Amino acid sequence: MTSHLDQVQSFCASQRWFGEKGHDVHVEALATSAWLSDAGAWPAVRIGFVYCSGPPGAESPIRVYQLPLSYHREPADNLGHALVGEWVEQDLDDTEVWVYDALHDKEATPYWLDGITHDRQLDGLEFHSVQAPDSTVEVPEDAQSLVLTVEQSNTSLVFGDVALLKVFRRLEPGSNPGVEIESALTEAGSDLVPAVLGSARGRWPRAGGGTDTGELAMLTAFQRNATDGWSFATSSVRDLYAEADLHAEEVGGDFAAESHRLGASTAQVHSELAKALGTDVWEPAKLVEHASAMQRRLDHAASVIPELEPYRAGLGRWFDALAAYDQPVTVQRIHGDYHLGQVLRTIDGWKLIDFEGEPAKSLIERRALDTPVKDVAGMLRSFDYAARSLLADHQGDQQIAYRAAEWATRNQRAFCDGYAEVAGTDARHHDVLLNAFLADKVVYEVLYEARNRPTWLQIPLSAAAQLAEQ
């Protein structure tokens, strides 16, 4: 029989949340938590901690992934897609077991809900409930779980159409920014984020010795009948394309009013974050440091993506301008990975979600203070993507391409107008900051599309051309 580590490696390599797909990766070890299930109960349930090394010769540190495990004495019905492996488990009296990803096992997932609801304390595992101000959310103890398919780097389950459990797959020691920020906003009474209902924290062995501690999961109120911003926006774009002879404001699905409301909601959340978690100031020397990092990212991208080279000098001028910026910049906690996929349109208005920051960055980077202009830049780029992502079906149609640019500009303007009305400051008036962050985002997009979606590469390249000419 194949070793259990080989089976774990094979399973992880096929999962969307596993971030080690770009190189040879080896599962070095599998550590496990205390049992969540009672002694003698089947399935037996506990959390697995998967330790992965990078390619041979690389200096990348060992990375740890969370893989909740459910052990069955015989193959489980309807769980073939979640089968991790089959082996003899010493911790279960040398019983031959079929082991599954427990987040897909409806017999196993109630342990997380029960742990949070009742503040369970196990060896190395701590579950905490939170009573949100004015919250009327009550999760039935017998609520069934359903795994959502939209997550890329984590796994989310809905319980009874009432609560959402987000389980963090890639683990790092320290406070998870999503738990930290969303809890702070919930405690402040914000109605612009889903209320936090609880969380789970754990300890796992550190590679090389010692112990690390960090968040494992977060439970929030589930937003029923909500539409994610990307789907909502692209529906508007489809309406526009179907009426190619009309301007964006003449189409029934015009999105500008929603963009305005989203801008206002974004500014309100930034204000609430500043009050709850404080602010600081970047002096000019800090801007020089950021500008240098942006330039290095540009130089690297242009060296590996030849299509970006014609715009390198023009984009670099914005980084030079940032380095020469002589005004202090107020910074605070922000979203950090802000785009249309990170907002939900509910019957009560817009809500912001997923404050973990950019998955590829370290926990220290994701928890660092930054300027709200970065979030604004991220959303402006997302509007451009929403408008242009459907152009592949209309190649060569100049009128459609013109309408796409018109839609993007109209909604970017509406978003900034809504933001400025609440914030009292307009990011467009800080063109050096805004364009430097837009250029940096475009550089990231060029690299991403070249590696993952070459047919979309023209989207950020078009933006690079525009920024380079300004």
Protein backbone atom coordinates (compact mmCIF):
# COMPACT_ATOMS: atom_id res chain seq x y z
CA MET A 1 0.00 0.00 0.00
CA THR A 2 1.26 3.49 -0.82
CA SER A 3 2.52 5.35 2.24
CA HIS A 4 0.05 7.68 3.87
CA LEU A 5 2.33 10.69 3.19
CA ASP A 6 2.37 9.89 -0.53
CA GLN A 7 -1.42 9.66 -0.46
CA VAL A 8 -1.71 12.97 1.37
CA GLN A 9 0.62 14.59 -1.15
CA SER A 10 -1.38 13.24 -4.09
CA PHE A 11 -4.63 14.51 -2.59
CA CYS A 12 -3.30 17.97 -1.75
CA ALA A 13 -1.78 18.43 -5.19
CA SER A 14 -5.24 18.11 -6.74
CA GLN A 15 -6.91 20.74 -4.53
CA ARG A 16 -7.50 24.36 -5.54
CA TRP A 17 -6.49 25.63 -2.10
CA PHE A 18 -3.06 24.03 -2.28
CA GLY A 19 -0.66 26.82 -3.22
CA GLU A 20 2.37 24.75 -4.21
CA LYS A 21 1.41 23.84 -7.78
CA GLY A 22 4.07 25.84 -9.60
CA HIS A 23 6.98 23.61 -8.58
CA ASP A 24 7.92 20.19 -7.32
CA VAL A 25 6.62 19.83 -3.80
CA HIS A 26 7.08 17.15 -1.17
CA VAL A 27 4.92 16.41 1.86
CA GLU A 28 7.51 15.92 4.58
CA ALA A 29 5.23 15.16 7.53
CA LEU A 30 1.67 14.99 8.81
CA ALA A 31 0.99 16.08 12.38
CA THR A 32 -2.43 15.77 13.99
CA SER A 33 -4.45 17.55 16.66
CA ALA A 34 -6.44 16.16 19.54
CA TRP A 35 -9.54 14.24 18.54
CA LEU A 36 -12.61 16.42 18.02
CA SER A 37 -14.76 13.31 18.20
CA ASP A 38 -15.41 11.32 21.35
CA ALA A 39 -13.47 8.12 22.04
CA GLY A 40 -15.03 5.22 20.17
CA ALA A 41 -17.10 7.47 17.87
CA TRP A 42 -17.07 6.93 14.11
CA PRO A 43 -16.17 8.72 12.01
CA ALA A 44 -13.22 9.72 14.16
CA VAL A 45 -12.33 13.36 13.48
CA ARG A 46 -9.25 15.48 14.06
CA ILE A 47 -7.19 18.12 12.26
CA GLY A 48 -4.17 17.25 10.17
CA PHE A 49 -1.24 19.64 9.69
CA VAL A 50 0.53 18.97 6.39
CA TYR A 51 4.18 20.05 6.13
CA CYS A 52 5.44 20.79 2.61
CA SER A 53 8.91 21.57 1.34
CA GLY A 54 9.73 23.39 -1.86
CA PRO A 55 11.77 22.17 -4.83
CA PRO A 56 15.21 20.63 -4.15
CA GLY A 57 17.84 23.26 -3.49
CA ALA A 58 15.31 25.99 -2.78
CA GLU A 59 15.58 28.03 0.39
CA SER A 60 11.82 28.36 0.78
CA PRO A 61 10.65 27.57 4.31
CA ILE A 62 8.46 24.63 5.20
CA ARG A 63 4.81 25.56 4.64
CA VAL A 64 1.96 24.21 6.73
CA TYR A 65 -1.55 23.45 5.44
CA GLN A 66 -4.61 22.52 7.43
CA LEU A 67 -6.30 19.29 6.37
CA PRO A 68 -9.17 18.26 8.69
CA LEU A 69 -9.47 14.47 8.63
CA SER A 70 -12.36 12.08 9.15
CA TYR A 71 -11.59 8.37 9.59
CA HIS A 72 -14.11 5.71 8.52
CA ARG A 73 -13.93 1.94 9.02
CA GLU A 74 -15.30 1.37 5.52
CA PRO A 75 -15.59 3.46 2.35
CA ALA A 76 -18.06 6.32 2.83
CA ASP A 77 -20.88 6.94 0.42
CA ASN A 78 -20.63 10.04 -1.81
CA LEU A 79 -17.21 11.05 -0.51
CA GLY A 80 -14.97 9.63 -3.21
CA HIS A 81 -13.96 13.14 -4.31
CA ALA A 82 -12.71 13.87 -0.77
CA LEU A 83 -10.77 10.63 -0.22
CA VAL A 84 -7.31 11.43 1.14
CA GLY A 85 -6.18 7.82 1.40
CA GLU A 86 -6.47 4.40 2.96
CA TRP A 87 -4.08 3.20 5.64
CA VAL A 88 -3.70 1.48 9.02
CA GLU A 89 -4.03 4.11 11.76
CA GLN A 90 -1.96 3.42 14.86
CA ASP A 91 -3.88 5.98 16.92
CA LEU A 92 -7.07 3.97 16.33
CA ASP A 93 -5.74 0.62 17.54
CA ASP A 94 -4.12 -0.19 14.19
CA THR A 95 -7.49 -0.14 12.43
CA GLU A 96 -7.57 -0.03 8.66
CA VAL A 97 -9.33 3.25 7.82
CA TRP A 98 -10.54 5.26 4.87
CA VAL A 99 -9.53 8.87 5.48
CA TYR A 100 -11.41 11.84 4.03
CA ASP A 101 -11.16 15.61 4.00
CA ALA A 102 -13.50 16.18 6.93
CA LEU A 103 -14.85 19.46 5.57
CA HIS A 104 -16.72 17.46 2.91
CA ASP A 105 -18.04 14.94 5.45
CA LYS A 106 -21.43 15.99 6.84
CA GLU A 107 -20.95 13.58 9.74
CA ALA A 108 -17.73 15.35 10.73
CA THR A 109 -18.45 19.06 10.24
CA PRO A 110 -20.84 19.42 13.23
CA TYR A 111 -17.80 19.18 15.52
CA TRP A 112 -16.65 22.65 14.38
CA LEU A 113 -20.06 24.17 14.88
CA ASP A 114 -20.45 22.52 18.29
CA GLY A 115 -16.96 23.59 19.34
CA ILE A 116 -17.55 27.25 18.53
CA THR A 117 -21.10 27.37 19.88
CA HIS A 118 -20.07 25.87 23.22
CA ASP A 119 -16.57 27.38 23.52
CA ARG A 120 -14.92 23.95 23.59
CA GLN A 121 -11.33 23.76 24.88
CA LEU A 122 -9.23 20.78 23.78
CA ASP A 123 -5.53 20.08 23.99
CA GLY A 124 -4.08 22.45 21.43
CA LEU A 125 -7.47 23.62 20.15
CA GLU A 126 -9.56 26.55 21.36
CA PHE A 127 -13.02 27.40 20.08
CA HIS A 128 -14.57 30.78 20.87
CA SER A 129 -18.08 32.10 20.33
CA VAL A 130 -18.83 35.79 19.80
CA GLN A 131 -22.11 37.51 20.52
CA ALA A 132 -22.24 40.24 17.92
CA PRO A 133 -23.96 43.48 18.98
CA ASP A 134 -27.66 43.39 18.03
CA SER A 135 -27.12 40.01 16.37
CA THR A 136 -30.17 37.80 15.96
CA VAL A 137 -28.28 34.97 14.29
CA GLU A 138 -28.99 31.59 15.86
CA VAL A 139 -27.41 28.53 14.31
CA PRO A 140 -29.41 25.32 14.82
CA GLU A 141 -27.23 22.63 16.41
CA ASP A 142 -28.42 20.11 13.83
CA ALA A 143 -27.70 22.42 10.86
CA GLN A 144 -26.32 20.55 7.86
CA SER A 145 -23.15 21.81 6.15
CA LEU A 146 -22.64 22.58 2.48
CA VAL A 147 -19.21 23.27 0.97
CA LEU A 148 -19.11 26.33 -1.27
CA THR A 149 -17.19 25.97 -4.53
CA VAL A 150 -16.15 29.60 -5.02
CA GLU A 151 -13.19 29.63 -2.60
CA GLN A 152 -9.69 29.53 -4.05
CA SER A 153 -7.31 29.55 -1.09
CA ASN A 154 -9.57 28.50 1.81
CA THR A 155 -12.64 26.30 2.24
CA SER A 156 -16.02 27.69 3.30
CA LEU A 157 -19.06 25.80 4.56
CA VAL A 158 -22.60 27.07 5.00
CA PHE A 159 -24.55 25.74 7.98
CA GLY A 160 -28.31 25.77 7.63
CA ASP A 161 -28.31 28.83 5.38
CA VAL A 162 -27.49 30.82 8.53
CA ALA A 163 -23.74 30.73 9.24
CA LEU A 164 -20.58 30.54 7.13
CA LEU A 165 -17.51 28.70 8.44
CA LYS A 166 -14.32 29.72 6.67
CA VAL A 167 -11.50 27.24 7.30
CA PHE A 168 -8.02 28.58 6.58
CA ARG A 169 -5.91 26.12 4.62
CA ARG A 170 -2.49 27.77 4.57
CA LEU A 171 -1.47 28.30 8.19
CA GLU A 172 0.89 30.89 9.60
CA PRO A 173 1.55 31.70 13.25
CA GLY A 174 -0.02 34.88 14.55
CA SER A 175 -3.30 36.72 14.20
CA ASN A 176 -5.13 36.15 10.93
CA PRO A 177 -5.98 39.59 9.49
CA GLY A 178 -9.43 38.42 8.40
CA VAL A 179 -10.38 37.35 11.92
CA GLU A 180 -8.74 40.40 13.46
CA ILE A 181 -10.30 43.01 11.16
CA GLU A 182 -13.76 41.52 10.81
CA SER A 183 -13.98 40.93 14.57
CA ALA A 184 -12.99 44.55 15.24
CA LEU A 185 -15.63 45.80 12.81
CA THR A 186 -18.26 43.51 14.32
CA GLU A 187 -17.45 44.72 17.82
CA ALA A 188 -17.72 48.30 16.56
CA GLY A 189 -21.23 47.55 15.34
CA SER A 190 -20.51 47.83 11.62
CA ASP A 191 -23.30 46.66 9.35
CA LEU A 192 -21.01 46.61 6.32
CA VAL A 193 -19.34 43.27 7.09
CA PRO A 194 -20.95 39.93 7.97
CA ALA A 195 -21.10 39.63 11.75
CA VAL A 196 -18.40 37.40 13.26
CA LEU A 197 -19.98 34.63 15.36
CA GLY A 198 -16.86 32.83 16.52
CA SER A 199 -13.47 31.41 15.65
CA ALA A 200 -11.14 28.47 16.20
CA ARG A 201 -7.49 28.73 17.16
CA GLY A 202 -4.93 25.98 17.29
CA ARG A 203 -1.36 24.94 18.03
CA TRP A 204 0.79 22.85 15.75
CA PRO A 205 4.42 21.67 15.90
CA ARG A 206 6.88 24.04 14.28
CA ALA A 207 9.23 22.56 11.72
CA GLY A 208 12.60 22.43 13.42
CA GLY A 209 11.18 22.45 16.94
CA GLY A 210 8.80 24.41 19.11
CA THR A 211 5.14 25.22 18.63
CA ASP A 212 3.23 27.70 16.49
CA THR A 213 -0.20 29.14 17.23
CA GLY A 214 -2.72 30.73 14.90
CA GLU A 215 -6.30 30.94 13.69
CA LEU A 216 -7.79 27.86 12.05
CA ALA A 217 -11.30 29.04 11.17
CA MET A 218 -13.85 31.84 11.51
CA LEU A 219 -17.65 31.64 11.72
CA THR A 220 -19.71 34.54 10.35
CA ALA A 221 -23.33 35.25 9.55
CA PHE A 222 -24.22 33.89 6.11
CA GLN A 223 -25.53 36.41 3.61
CA ARG A 224 -28.58 34.77 2.09
CA ASN A 225 -29.76 35.84 -1.34
CA ALA A 226 -26.57 37.84 -1.87
CA THR A 227 -24.85 38.34 -5.21
CA ASP A 228 -21.11 38.75 -5.44
CA GLY A 229 -19.97 41.99 -7.00
CA TRP A 230 -18.22 40.36 -9.94
CA SER A 231 -21.34 38.47 -11.07
CA PHE A 232 -23.49 41.56 -10.54
CA ALA A 233 -21.14 43.83 -12.52
CA THR A 234 -20.57 41.44 -15.42
CA SER A 235 -24.33 41.02 -15.80
CA SER A 236 -24.47 44.75 -16.41
CA VAL A 237 -21.69 44.44 -18.99
CA ARG A 238 -23.58 41.68 -20.81
CA ASP A 239 -26.64 43.93 -20.96
CA LEU A 240 -24.47 46.65 -22.48
CA TYR A 241 -22.99 44.31 -25.08
CA ALA A 242 -26.47 43.13 -26.03
CA GLU A 243 -27.37 46.76 -26.76
CA ALA A 244 -24.16 47.79 -28.47
CA ASP A 245 -25.71 50.91 -30.00
CA LEU A 246 -26.57 52.35 -26.57
CA HIS A 247 -24.34 54.14 -24.08
CA ALA A 248 -23.79 52.61 -20.63
CA GLU A 249 -26.14 55.04 -18.93
CA GLU A 250 -28.91 54.19 -21.43
CA VAL A 251 -28.93 50.45 -20.76
CA GLY A 252 -31.43 49.00 -18.30
CA GLY A 253 -28.68 47.23 -16.38
CA ASP A 254 -26.62 50.36 -15.81
CA PHE A 255 -24.34 49.70 -12.82
CA ALA A 256 -23.19 53.23 -11.96
CA ALA A 257 -25.61 53.74 -9.06
CA GLU A 258 -24.36 50.49 -7.49
CA SER A 259 -20.76 51.55 -8.03
CA HIS A 260 -21.51 54.85 -6.28
CA ARG A 261 -23.03 53.01 -3.31
CA LEU A 262 -20.07 50.63 -3.23
CA GLY A 263 -17.65 53.55 -3.12
CA ALA A 264 -19.56 55.05 -0.20
CA SER A 265 -19.58 51.71 1.65
CA THR A 266 -15.84 51.30 1.07
CA ALA A 267 -15.10 54.72 2.51
CA GLN A 268 -17.30 53.99 5.51
CA VAL A 269 -15.45 50.75 6.25
CA HIS A 270 -12.10 52.54 5.94
CA SER A 271 -13.35 55.11 8.45
CA GLU A 272 -14.53 52.41 10.84
CA LEU A 273 -11.20 50.59 10.57
CA ALA A 274 -9.27 53.76 11.31
CA LYS A 275 -11.33 54.34 14.46
CA ALA A 276 -11.17 50.72 15.62
CA LEU A 277 -7.53 49.90 14.88
CA GLY A 278 -5.79 53.25 14.63
CA THR A 279 -3.69 55.08 12.06
CA ASP A 280 -0.09 56.07 11.46
CA VAL A 281 1.85 58.16 8.97
CA TRP A 282 4.31 57.24 6.24
CA GLU A 283 7.06 59.80 5.99
CA PRO A 284 8.75 60.39 2.61
CA ALA A 285 11.48 57.83 3.34
CA LYS A 286 8.83 55.11 3.57
CA LEU A 287 7.46 56.13 0.18
CA VAL A 288 10.94 55.79 -1.31
CA GLU A 289 11.07 52.25 0.06
CA HIS A 290 7.70 51.36 -1.48
CA ALA A 291 8.59 52.97 -4.79
CA SER A 292 11.81 50.94 -4.97
CA ALA A 293 9.89 47.72 -4.33
CA MET A 294 7.39 48.61 -7.05
CA GLN A 295 10.21 49.32 -9.49
CA ARG A 296 11.84 45.97 -8.72
CA ARG A 297 8.55 44.19 -9.41
CA LEU A 298 8.22 46.07 -12.70
CA ASP A 299 11.78 45.25 -13.77
CA HIS A 300 11.28 41.58 -12.99
CA ALA A 301 7.96 41.39 -14.83
CA ALA A 302 9.32 43.17 -17.90
CA SER A 303 12.29 40.81 -17.98
CA VAL A 304 10.08 37.73 -18.20
CA ILE A 305 7.06 39.17 -20.08
CA PRO A 306 8.40 40.89 -23.24
CA GLU A 307 5.02 42.44 -24.01
CA LEU A 308 5.41 44.67 -20.94
CA GLU A 309 8.80 46.07 -21.92
CA PRO A 310 7.44 48.93 -24.13
CA TYR A 311 5.64 50.35 -21.12
CA ARG A 312 8.37 49.94 -18.53
CA ALA A 313 9.71 53.49 -18.73
CA GLY A 314 6.24 55.05 -18.63
CA LEU A 315 5.11 52.98 -15.66
CA GLY A 316 8.42 53.59 -13.91
CA ARG A 317 7.80 57.34 -14.04
CA TRP A 318 4.92 56.89 -11.60
CA PHE A 319 7.22 55.05 -9.21
CA ASP A 320 9.78 57.83 -9.56
CA ALA A 321 7.03 60.34 -8.75
CA LEU A 322 6.08 58.30 -5.67
CA ALA A 323 9.69 58.28 -4.48
CA ALA A 324 9.76 62.08 -4.86
CA TYR A 325 6.41 62.58 -3.07
CA ASP A 326 7.16 64.95 -0.22
CA GLN A 327 3.89 64.80 1.71
CA PRO A 328 3.20 62.47 4.64
CA VAL A 329 0.61 59.77 3.89
CA THR A 330 -1.87 58.55 6.49
CA VAL A 331 -1.98 54.75 6.72
CA GLN A 332 -4.21 52.26 8.50
CA ARG A 333 -5.53 48.71 8.26
CA ILE A 334 -7.19 48.16 4.88
CA HIS A 335 -8.71 45.27 2.95
CA GLY A 336 -5.51 44.61 1.02
CA ASP A 337 -6.94 42.44 -1.77
CA TYR A 338 -9.92 44.50 -2.84
CA HIS A 339 -11.90 43.70 -5.98
CA LEU A 340 -15.45 42.95 -7.09
CA GLY A 341 -15.17 39.36 -5.94
CA GLN A 342 -14.66 40.58 -2.36
CA VAL A 343 -17.99 42.35 -2.00
CA LEU A 344 -21.58 41.10 -1.75
CA ARG A 345 -24.75 42.91 -2.77
CA THR A 346 -27.41 42.00 -0.22
CA ILE A 347 -30.95 43.26 0.30
CA ASP A 348 -29.47 45.67 2.87
CA GLY A 349 -26.77 47.01 0.55
CA TRP A 350 -23.12 46.20 -0.02
CA LYS A 351 -21.05 44.15 2.41
CA LEU A 352 -17.27 43.68 2.31
CA ILE A 353 -15.78 40.23 2.90
CA ASP A 354 -12.47 38.34 2.96
CA PHE A 355 -10.09 40.70 4.74
CA GLU A 356 -7.22 38.19 4.78
CA GLY A 357 -5.19 40.21 2.26
CA GLU A 358 -3.27 38.88 -0.74
CA PRO A 359 -2.79 35.10 -0.27
CA ALA A 360 0.74 35.10 -1.70
CA LYS A 361 2.02 37.61 0.85
CA SER A 362 3.34 36.79 4.30
CA LEU A 363 1.23 37.33 7.41
CA ILE A 364 3.44 40.25 8.42
CA GLU A 365 2.85 41.94 5.07
CA ARG A 366 -0.90 41.28 5.19
CA ARG A 367 -1.20 42.82 8.67
CA ALA A 368 0.86 45.90 7.84
CA LEU A 369 -0.69 49.36 7.70
CA ASP A 370 -1.23 50.76 4.22
CA THR A 371 -2.95 53.62 2.47
CA PRO A 372 -6.66 53.25 1.64
CA VAL A 373 -5.70 54.44 -1.86
CA LYS A 374 -4.43 50.89 -2.46
CA ASP A 375 -7.94 49.49 -1.96
CA VAL A 376 -9.37 52.16 -4.26
CA ALA A 377 -6.83 51.24 -6.95
CA GLY A 378 -7.69 47.55 -6.61
CA MET A 379 -11.39 48.19 -7.16
CA LEU A 380 -10.77 50.51 -10.10
CA ARG A 381 -8.77 47.77 -11.79
CA SER A 382 -11.57 45.31 -11.07
CA PHE A 383 -14.07 47.49 -12.93
CA ASP A 384 -11.74 47.44 -15.93
CA TYR A 385 -11.56 43.65 -15.73
CA ALA A 386 -15.34 43.32 -15.49
CA ALA A 387 -15.75 45.39 -18.64
CA ARG A 388 -13.06 43.72 -20.72
CA SER A 389 -13.21 40.08 -19.58
CA LEU A 390 -16.12 39.39 -21.95
CA LEU A 391 -14.49 40.97 -25.00
CA ALA A 392 -13.11 37.62 -26.14
CA ASP A 393 -16.56 36.86 -27.51
CA HIS A 394 -16.52 40.11 -29.53
CA GLN A 395 -13.01 40.18 -30.99
CA GLY A 396 -12.59 42.83 -33.66
CA ASP A 397 -15.81 44.66 -32.77
CA GLN A 398 -14.55 48.19 -32.19
CA GLN A 399 -17.91 49.49 -31.05
CA ILE A 400 -18.16 46.86 -28.34
CA ALA A 401 -14.58 47.60 -27.27
CA TYR A 402 -15.45 51.30 -27.06
CA ARG A 403 -18.54 50.54 -24.97
CA ALA A 404 -16.44 48.37 -22.64
CA ALA A 405 -14.02 51.24 -22.01
CA GLU A 406 -16.95 53.59 -21.53
CA TRP A 407 -18.57 51.23 -18.97
CA ALA A 408 -15.32 50.92 -17.02
CA THR A 409 -14.72 54.68 -16.95
CA ARG A 410 -18.32 55.42 -15.94
CA ASN A 411 -18.26 52.99 -13.03
CA GLN A 412 -14.77 53.94 -11.89
CA ARG A 413 -15.91 57.56 -11.76
CA ALA A 414 -19.10 56.64 -9.88
CA PHE A 415 -17.14 54.58 -7.34
CA CYS A 416 -14.71 57.44 -6.68
CA ASP A 417 -17.58 59.93 -6.40
CA GLY A 418 -19.31 57.75 -3.79
CA TYR A 419 -16.06 57.24 -1.91
CA ALA A 420 -15.26 60.97 -1.87
CA GLU A 421 -18.71 61.93 -0.57
CA VAL A 422 -18.21 59.82 2.56
CA ALA A 423 -14.44 60.10 3.04
CA GLY A 424 -14.25 63.83 2.40
CA THR A 425 -11.18 63.22 0.24
CA ASP A 426 -10.94 62.12 -3.37
CA ALA A 427 -8.27 59.61 -4.36
CA ARG A 428 -8.21 61.16 -7.83
CA HIS A 429 -6.78 64.33 -6.28
CA HIS A 430 -3.77 62.27 -5.15
CA ASP A 431 -2.83 61.19 -8.65
CA VAL A 432 0.74 60.22 -7.77
CA LEU A 433 -0.40 57.80 -5.08
CA LEU A 434 -3.32 56.44 -7.08
CA ASN A 435 -1.43 55.95 -10.33
CA ALA A 436 1.57 54.39 -8.60
CA PHE A 437 -0.70 51.80 -6.96
CA LEU A 438 -2.60 51.28 -10.23
CA ALA A 439 0.68 50.71 -12.06
CA ASP A 440 1.89 48.28 -9.40
CA LYS A 441 -1.39 46.36 -9.62
CA VAL A 442 -1.13 46.21 -13.40
CA VAL A 443 2.37 44.75 -13.14
CA TYR A 444 1.02 42.02 -10.87
CA GLU A 445 -1.84 41.36 -13.31
CA VAL A 446 0.51 41.04 -16.27
CA LEU A 447 2.54 38.37 -14.49
CA TYR A 448 -0.57 36.53 -13.34
CA GLU A 449 -2.28 36.49 -16.72
CA ALA A 450 0.86 35.47 -18.59
CA ARG A 451 1.23 32.48 -16.30
CA ASN A 452 -2.41 31.49 -15.83
CA ARG A 453 -4.73 33.07 -18.45
CA PRO A 454 -2.76 34.16 -21.52
CA THR A 455 -5.97 35.03 -23.37
CA TRP A 456 -6.60 37.76 -20.76
CA LEU A 457 -3.09 39.26 -20.94
CA GLN A 458 -4.30 42.09 -23.14
CA ILE A 459 -6.48 43.43 -20.30
CA PRO A 460 -3.61 44.58 -18.06
CA LEU A 461 -1.41 45.41 -21.06
CA SER A 462 -4.03 47.88 -22.29
CA ALA A 463 -4.08 49.47 -18.83
CA ALA A 464 -0.27 49.56 -18.82
CA ALA A 465 -0.30 51.44 -22.11
CA GLN A 466 -2.75 54.03 -20.76
CA LEU A 467 -0.84 54.58 -17.52
CA ALA A 468 2.47 54.81 -19.35
CA GLU A 469 1.13 57.62 -21.53
CA GLN A 470 -0.26 59.76 -18.70
